[in-house]
Amino acid sequence: MPQLDFLIILPQIFWLIVCFSMFYFLLTYYFLPLFLKTIKARIMFIKNNQIVESKITISIIDKQQNIFKNLNKTLYKIRSVLFIKLFHLKFNFGKKPFKNNYLTLNKKLLTASMYSLFFCNSILLNSLKFYPLFLNKKFNK
């Protein structure tokens, strides 16, 4: 068989080794460092983005906590104003002019509770205490 003759196959093996070694050295010394630089740059880019993202999330969480603290303070102030100034008044149910004031107060309470229901404000809803009308008359007599 002429394909397996040593005179024909030896130069082919020689050129295969030479071409493969040149291709290998070309890839390892020129292209591989470029690939490694791009991979390292991408890794550093991702790490920097993660650091920036963590800083931004920490600042957003801090801002949210400050907003919630301010909101709780204002809701507490509103609650104290409602219960100290409005609900601790002594009403006289026997006088007729009181009925108009009582109706406006009921209307204000109902609108406040309606708005708190719409906004699902559990703190404000838990702070409101509703009693039947006949219980209020018994306590005030």
Protein backbone atom coordinates (compact mmCIF):
# COMPACT_ATOMS: atom_id res chain seq x y z
CA MET A 1 0.00 0.00 0.00
CA PRO A 2 1.51 3.26 -1.09
CA GLN A 3 -0.27 5.35 1.63
CA LEU A 4 1.72 3.71 4.42
CA ASP A 5 5.08 3.98 2.77
CA PHE A 6 7.67 5.58 5.10
CA LEU A 7 8.95 7.85 2.37
CA ILE A 8 5.54 9.43 1.91
CA ILE A 9 4.28 9.51 5.52
CA LEU A 10 7.40 10.94 7.22
CA PRO A 11 7.25 14.39 5.55
CA GLN A 12 3.52 14.61 6.27
CA ILE A 13 4.08 13.86 9.96
CA PHE A 14 6.94 16.37 10.07
CA TRP A 15 4.82 19.17 8.57
CA LEU A 16 1.90 18.25 10.82
CA ILE A 17 4.09 18.63 13.91
CA VAL A 18 5.61 21.89 12.64
CA CYS A 19 2.26 23.44 11.75
CA PHE A 20 0.62 22.29 14.96
CA SER A 21 3.46 23.63 17.13
CA MET A 22 3.42 27.00 15.32
CA PHE A 23 -0.33 27.22 15.68
CA TYR A 24 -0.07 26.25 19.38
CA PHE A 25 2.62 28.86 20.15
CA LEU A 26 0.74 31.51 18.20
CA LEU A 27 -2.42 30.83 20.23
CA THR A 28 -0.69 30.63 23.62
CA TYR A 29 1.55 33.70 23.27
CA TYR A 30 -0.68 36.10 21.34
CA PHE A 31 -4.33 35.21 21.58
CA LEU A 32 -4.60 33.57 25.00
CA PRO A 33 -3.38 36.70 26.89
CA LEU A 34 -5.95 38.79 25.01
CA PHE A 35 -8.70 36.36 25.96
CA LEU A 36 -7.55 36.32 29.59
CA LYS A 37 -7.49 40.13 29.72
CA THR A 38 -11.05 40.37 28.45
CA ILE A 39 -12.22 37.70 30.90
CA LYS A 40 -10.48 39.46 33.81
CA ALA A 41 -11.92 42.82 32.70
CA ARG A 42 -15.42 41.33 32.62
CA ILE A 43 -14.97 39.80 36.07
CA MET A 44 -13.74 43.13 37.48
CA PHE A 45 -16.65 44.94 35.77
CA ILE A 46 -19.14 42.53 37.38
CA LYS A 47 -17.50 42.91 40.81
CA ASN A 48 -17.57 46.70 40.56
CA ASN A 49 -21.23 46.60 39.52
CA GLN A 50 -22.02 44.37 42.50
CA ILE A 51 -20.24 46.77 44.88
CA VAL A 52 -22.12 49.76 43.45
CA GLU A 53 -25.39 47.84 43.61
CA SER A 54 -24.83 46.91 47.26
CA LYS A 55 -24.05 50.55 48.13
CA ILE A 56 -27.18 51.74 46.35
CA THR A 57 -29.38 49.13 48.05
CA ILE A 58 -27.95 50.04 51.46
CA SER A 59 -28.67 53.73 50.84
CA ILE A 60 -32.20 52.95 49.62
CA ILE A 61 -32.88 50.79 52.67
CA ASP A 62 -31.63 53.56 54.95
CA LYS A 63 -33.86 56.09 53.20
CA GLN A 64 -36.85 53.74 53.50
CA GLN A 65 -36.21 53.25 57.20
CA ASN A 66 -36.00 57.01 57.72
CA ILE A 67 -39.24 57.51 55.81
CA PHE A 68 -40.96 54.80 57.87
CA LYS A 69 -39.72 56.38 61.10
CA ASN A 70 -41.01 59.80 60.03
CA LEU A 71 -44.30 58.27 58.94
CA ASN A 72 -44.73 56.48 62.26
CA LYS A 73 -43.93 59.69 64.13
CA THR A 74 -46.49 61.67 62.16
CA LEU A 75 -49.09 58.93 62.53
CA TYR A 76 -48.47 58.91 66.26
CA LYS A 77 -48.87 62.69 66.34
CA ILE A 78 -52.12 62.41 64.39
CA ARG A 79 -53.33 59.69 66.72
CA SER A 80 -52.48 61.74 69.78
CA VAL A 81 -54.21 64.80 68.32
CA LEU A 82 -57.30 62.76 67.47
CA PHE A 83 -57.66 61.03 70.81
CA ILE A 84 -56.42 63.71 73.17
CA LYS A 85 -58.10 66.74 71.64
CA LEU A 86 -61.16 65.34 69.90
CA PHE A 87 -62.33 62.27 71.79
CA HIS A 88 -61.75 63.35 75.35
CA LEU A 89 -64.29 66.13 75.22
CA LYS A 90 -67.26 65.76 77.52
CA PHE A 91 -70.39 65.85 75.48
CA ASN A 92 -73.80 66.80 76.73
CA PHE A 93 -76.35 64.76 74.82
CA GLY A 94 -79.36 66.57 76.23
CA LYS A 95 -78.89 69.83 74.37
CA LYS A 96 -80.21 70.14 70.85
CA PRO A 97 -77.35 72.22 69.35
CA PHE A 98 -75.07 69.35 70.19
CA LYS A 99 -76.75 67.10 67.63
CA ASN A 100 -75.38 69.14 64.72
CA ASN A 101 -71.88 69.09 66.19
CA TYR A 102 -72.23 65.41 66.92
CA LEU A 103 -73.28 64.72 63.32
CA THR A 104 -70.34 66.68 61.90
CA LEU A 105 -67.98 64.84 64.24
CA ASN A 106 -69.47 61.52 63.12
CA LYS A 107 -69.08 62.58 59.51
CA LYS A 108 -65.43 63.49 60.06
CA LEU A 109 -64.76 60.21 61.84
CA LEU A 110 -66.42 58.22 59.08
CA THR A 111 -64.48 60.01 56.34
CA ALA A 112 -61.21 59.54 58.25
CA SER A 113 -61.92 55.84 58.72
CA MET A 114 -62.95 55.54 55.06
CA TYR A 115 -59.70 57.11 53.91
CA SER A 116 -57.72 54.89 56.24
CA LEU A 117 -59.56 51.85 54.84
CA PHE A 118 -58.76 52.95 51.32
CA PHE A 119 -55.12 53.37 52.14
CA CYS A 120 -55.01 50.18 54.29
CA ASN A 121 -53.38 51.97 57.18
CA SER A 122 -53.43 49.36 59.94
CA ILE A 123 -51.84 51.61 62.57
CA LEU A 124 -54.55 54.22 62.22
CA LEU A 125 -57.30 51.59 62.08
CA ASN A 126 -56.06 49.90 65.25
CA SER A 127 -55.93 53.23 67.02
CA LEU A 128 -59.61 54.02 66.34
CA LYS A 129 -62.01 52.61 68.92
CA PHE A 130 -65.63 52.52 67.94
CA TYR A 131 -68.35 52.23 70.56
CA PRO A 132 -72.10 51.99 70.10
CA LEU A 133 -74.06 55.15 70.70
CA PHE A 134 -75.93 53.78 73.74
CA LEU A 135 -72.64 52.99 75.52
CA ASN A 136 -71.49 56.57 75.09
CA LYS A 137 -74.76 57.83 76.60
CA LYS A 138 -74.38 55.53 79.61
CA PHE A 139 -70.85 56.69 80.29
CA ASN A 140 -71.66 60.36 79.95
CA LYS A 141 -74.74 60.39 82.22
